[in-house]
Amino acid sequence: MAAGSKDAAILINLSPGTYTAVVSGSGGSTGIALVNVYEVP
């Protein structure tokens, strides 16, 4: 990501299963969120 980018990323190890992503805005703001999930070899 470029320096100063407002993008975010997290890398975690999860067991196989079903998960839910909860996304919220800062200060109760609203908008559109895009969540991508990838399998990393």
PDB file of N, CA and C in Angstrom:
ATOM      1  N   MET A   1       0.834  -1.183   0.000  1.00  0.00           N
ATOM      2  CA  MET A   1       0.000   0.000   0.000  1.00  0.00           C
ATOM      3  C   MET A   1       0.878   1.246   0.000  1.00  0.00           C
ATOM      4  N   ALA A   2       0.412   2.250  -0.628  1.00  0.00           N
ATOM      5  CA  ALA A   2       1.175   3.489  -0.732  1.00  0.00           C
ATOM      6  C   ALA A   2       1.270   4.197   0.614  1.00  0.00           C
ATOM      7  N   ALA A   3       2.373   4.909   0.825  1.00  0.00           N
ATOM      8  CA  ALA A   3       2.525   5.691   2.058  1.00  0.00           C
ATOM      9  C   ALA A   3       1.372   6.681   2.165  1.00  0.00           C
ATOM     10  N   GLY A   4       0.784   6.799   3.342  1.00  0.00           N
ATOM     11  CA  GLY A   4      -0.333   7.715   3.567  1.00  0.00           C
ATOM     12  C   GLY A   4      -1.687   7.135   3.184  1.00  0.00           C
ATOM     13  N   SER A   5      -1.707   5.886   2.710  1.00  0.00           N
ATOM     14  CA  SER A   5      -2.955   5.241   2.308  1.00  0.00           C
ATOM     15  C   SER A   5      -3.869   5.060   3.514  1.00  0.00           C
ATOM     16  N   LYS A   6      -5.166   5.167   3.302  1.00  0.00           N
ATOM     17  CA  LYS A   6      -6.131   4.933   4.378  1.00  0.00           C
ATOM     18  C   LYS A   6      -6.694   3.523   4.311  1.00  0.00           C
ATOM     19  N   ASP A   7      -6.063   2.665   3.472  1.00  0.00           N
ATOM     20  CA  ASP A   7      -6.461   1.266   3.406  1.00  0.00           C
ATOM     21  C   ASP A   7      -5.984   0.551   4.656  1.00  0.00           C
ATOM     22  N   ALA A   8      -6.597  -0.572   4.948  1.00  0.00           N
ATOM     23  CA  ALA A   8      -6.202  -1.365   6.106  1.00  0.00           C
ATOM     24  C   ALA A   8      -6.096  -2.828   5.696  1.00  0.00           C
ATOM     25  N   ALA A   9      -5.266  -3.577   6.401  1.00  0.00           N
ATOM     26  CA  ALA A   9      -5.120  -5.004   6.124  1.00  0.00           C
ATOM     27  C   ALA A   9      -4.833  -5.722   7.428  1.00  0.00           C
ATOM     28  N   ILE A  10      -5.248  -6.981   7.478  1.00  0.00           N
ATOM     29  CA  ILE A  10      -4.946  -7.823   8.635  1.00  0.00           C
ATOM     30  C   ILE A  10      -4.623  -9.216   8.108  1.00  0.00           C
ATOM     31  N   LEU A  11      -3.654  -9.857   8.698  1.00  0.00           N
ATOM     32  CA  LEU A  11      -3.266 -11.214   8.325  1.00  0.00           C
ATOM     33  C   LEU A  11      -3.370 -12.072   9.570  1.00  0.00           C
ATOM     34  N   ILE A  12      -4.279 -13.059   9.538  1.00  0.00           N
ATOM     35  CA  ILE A  12      -4.476 -13.933  10.693  1.00  0.00           C
ATOM     36  C   ILE A  12      -4.616 -15.375  10.222  1.00  0.00           C
ATOM     37  N   ASN A  13      -4.317 -16.314  11.104  1.00  0.00           N
ATOM     38  CA  ASN A  13      -4.514 -17.742  10.840  1.00  0.00           C
ATOM     39  C   ASN A  13      -5.854 -18.156  11.420  1.00  0.00           C
ATOM     40  N   LEU A  14      -6.715 -18.728  10.572  1.00  0.00           N
ATOM     41  CA  LEU A  14      -8.026 -19.184  11.014  1.00  0.00           C
ATOM     42  C   LEU A  14      -8.212 -20.651  10.663  1.00  0.00           C
ATOM     43  N   SER A  15      -8.926 -21.356  11.514  1.00  0.00           N
ATOM     44  CA  SER A  15      -9.310 -22.733  11.207  1.00  0.00           C
ATOM     45  C   SER A  15     -10.418 -22.693  10.159  1.00  0.00           C
ATOM     46  N   PRO A  16     -10.537 -23.754   9.347  1.00  0.00           N
ATOM     47  CA  PRO A  16     -11.635 -23.783   8.373  1.00  0.00           C
ATOM     48  C   PRO A  16     -12.978 -23.639   9.078  1.00  0.00           C
ATOM     49  N   GLY A  17     -13.882 -22.902   8.479  1.00  0.00           N
ATOM     50  CA  GLY A  17     -15.201 -22.707   9.065  1.00  0.00           C
ATOM     51  C   GLY A  17     -15.896 -21.508   8.472  1.00  0.00           C
ATOM     52  N   THR A  18     -16.987 -21.112   9.079  1.00  0.00           N
ATOM     53  CA  THR A  18     -17.782 -19.975   8.649  1.00  0.00           C
ATOM     54  C   THR A  18     -17.519 -18.809   9.584  1.00  0.00           C
ATOM     55  N   TYR A  19     -17.313 -17.639   9.012  1.00  0.00           N
ATOM     56  CA  TYR A  19     -17.006 -16.446   9.798  1.00  0.00           C
ATOM     57  C   TYR A  19     -17.880 -15.283   9.353  1.00  0.00           C
ATOM     58  N   THR A  20     -18.037 -14.293  10.208  1.00  0.00           N
ATOM     59  CA  THR A  20     -18.786 -13.084   9.906  1.00  0.00           C
ATOM     60  C   THR A  20     -17.861 -11.893  10.085  1.00  0.00           C
ATOM     61  N   ALA A  21     -17.876 -10.976   9.129  1.00  0.00           N
ATOM     62  CA  ALA A  21     -17.096  -9.744   9.233  1.00  0.00           C
ATOM     63  C   ALA A  21     -18.045  -8.619   9.646  1.00  0.00           C
ATOM     64  N   VAL A  22     -17.702  -7.922  10.708  1.00  0.00           N
ATOM     65  CA  VAL A  22     -18.495  -6.782  11.167  1.00  0.00           C
ATOM     66  C   VAL A  22     -17.684  -5.525  10.887  1.00  0.00           C
ATOM     67  N   VAL A  23     -18.258  -4.622  10.111  1.00  0.00           N
ATOM     68  CA  VAL A  23     -17.572  -3.396   9.705  1.00  0.00           C
ATOM     69  C   VAL A  23     -18.377  -2.215  10.218  1.00  0.00           C
ATOM     70  N   SER A  24     -17.692  -1.268  10.866  1.00  0.00           N
ATOM     71  CA  SER A  24     -18.392  -0.088  11.373  1.00  0.00           C
ATOM     72  C   SER A  24     -17.594   1.159  11.052  1.00  0.00           C
ATOM     73  N   GLY A  25     -18.299   2.285  10.957  1.00  0.00           N
ATOM     74  CA  GLY A  25     -17.653   3.553  10.643  1.00  0.00           C
ATOM     75  C   GLY A  25     -17.174   4.259  11.898  1.00  0.00           C
ATOM     76  N   SER A  26     -16.259   5.165  11.712  1.00  0.00           N
ATOM     77  CA  SER A  26     -15.739   5.958  12.814  1.00  0.00           C
ATOM     78  C   SER A  26     -16.774   6.991  13.245  1.00  0.00           C
ATOM     79  N   GLY A  27     -17.039   7.079  14.531  1.00  0.00           N
ATOM     80  CA  GLY A  27     -17.976   8.080  15.044  1.00  0.00           C
ATOM     81  C   GLY A  27     -19.406   7.875  14.577  1.00  0.00           C
ATOM     82  N   GLY A  28     -19.788   6.635  14.266  1.00  0.00           N
ATOM     83  CA  GLY A  28     -21.151   6.356  13.840  1.00  0.00           C
ATOM     84  C   GLY A  28     -21.430   6.710  12.388  1.00  0.00           C
ATOM     85  N   SER A  29     -20.389   6.997  11.617  1.00  0.00           N
ATOM     86  CA  SER A  29     -20.587   7.345  10.216  1.00  0.00           C
ATOM     87  C   SER A  29     -21.022   6.117   9.415  1.00  0.00           C
ATOM     88  N   THR A  30     -21.568   6.331   8.233  1.00  0.00           N
ATOM     89  CA  THR A  30     -21.998   5.241   7.373  1.00  0.00           C
ATOM     90  C   THR A  30     -21.263   5.314   6.047  1.00  0.00           C
ATOM     91  N   GLY A  31     -21.339   4.256   5.292  1.00  0.00           N
ATOM     92  CA  GLY A  31     -20.691   4.210   3.991  1.00  0.00           C
ATOM     93  C   GLY A  31     -20.740   2.813   3.429  1.00  0.00           C
ATOM     94  N   ILE A  32     -19.849   2.516   2.526  1.00  0.00           N
ATOM     95  CA  ILE A  32     -19.791   1.211   1.873  1.00  0.00           C
ATOM     96  C   ILE A  32     -18.454   0.562   2.214  1.00  0.00           C
ATOM     97  N   ALA A  33     -18.496  -0.710   2.570  1.00  0.00           N
ATOM     98  CA  ALA A  33     -17.274  -1.445   2.895  1.00  0.00           C
ATOM     99  C   ALA A  33     -17.112  -2.603   1.919  1.00  0.00           C
ATOM    100  N   LEU A  34     -15.886  -2.869   1.543  1.00  0.00           N
ATOM    101  CA  LEU A  34     -15.560  -4.004   0.696  1.00  0.00           C
ATOM    102  C   LEU A  34     -14.604  -4.891   1.484  1.00  0.00           C
ATOM    103  N   VAL A  35     -14.999  -6.136   1.711  1.00  0.00           N
ATOM    104  CA  VAL A  35     -14.178  -7.074   2.479  1.00  0.00           C
ATOM    105  C   VAL A  35     -13.743  -8.194   1.541  1.00  0.00           C
ATOM    106  N   ASN A  36     -12.447  -8.381   1.396  1.00  0.00           N
ATOM    107  CA  ASN A  36     -11.897  -9.463   0.587  1.00  0.00           C
ATOM    108  C   ASN A  36     -11.202 -10.450   1.509  1.00  0.00           C
ATOM    109  N   VAL A  37     -11.386 -11.743   1.229  1.00  0.00           N
ATOM    110  CA  VAL A  37     -10.731 -12.788   2.011  1.00  0.00           C
ATOM    111  C   VAL A  37      -9.956 -13.664   1.039  1.00  0.00           C
ATOM    112  N   TYR A  38      -8.678 -13.886   1.333  1.00  0.00           N
ATOM    113  CA  TYR A  38      -7.812 -14.669   0.467  1.00  0.00           C
ATOM    114  C   TYR A  38      -7.153 -15.789   1.256  1.00  0.00           C
ATOM    115  N   GLU A  39      -6.896 -16.902   0.603  1.00  0.00           N
ATOM    116  CA  GLU A  39      -6.100 -17.964   1.186  1.00  0.00           C
ATOM    117  C   GLU A  39      -4.663 -17.737   0.759  1.00  0.00           C
ATOM    118  N   VAL A  40      -3.772 -17.603   1.726  1.00  0.00           N
ATOM    119  CA  VAL A  40      -2.367 -17.365   1.449  1.00  0.00           C
ATOM    120  C   VAL A  40      -1.617 -18.681   1.595  1.00  0.00           C
ATOM    121  N   PRO A  41      -0.896 -19.084   0.550  1.00  0.00           N
ATOM    122  CA  PRO A  41      -0.190 -20.374   0.636  1.00  0.00           C
ATOM    123  C   PRO A  41       0.940 -20.348   1.647  1.00  0.00           C
TER     124      PRO A  41
END
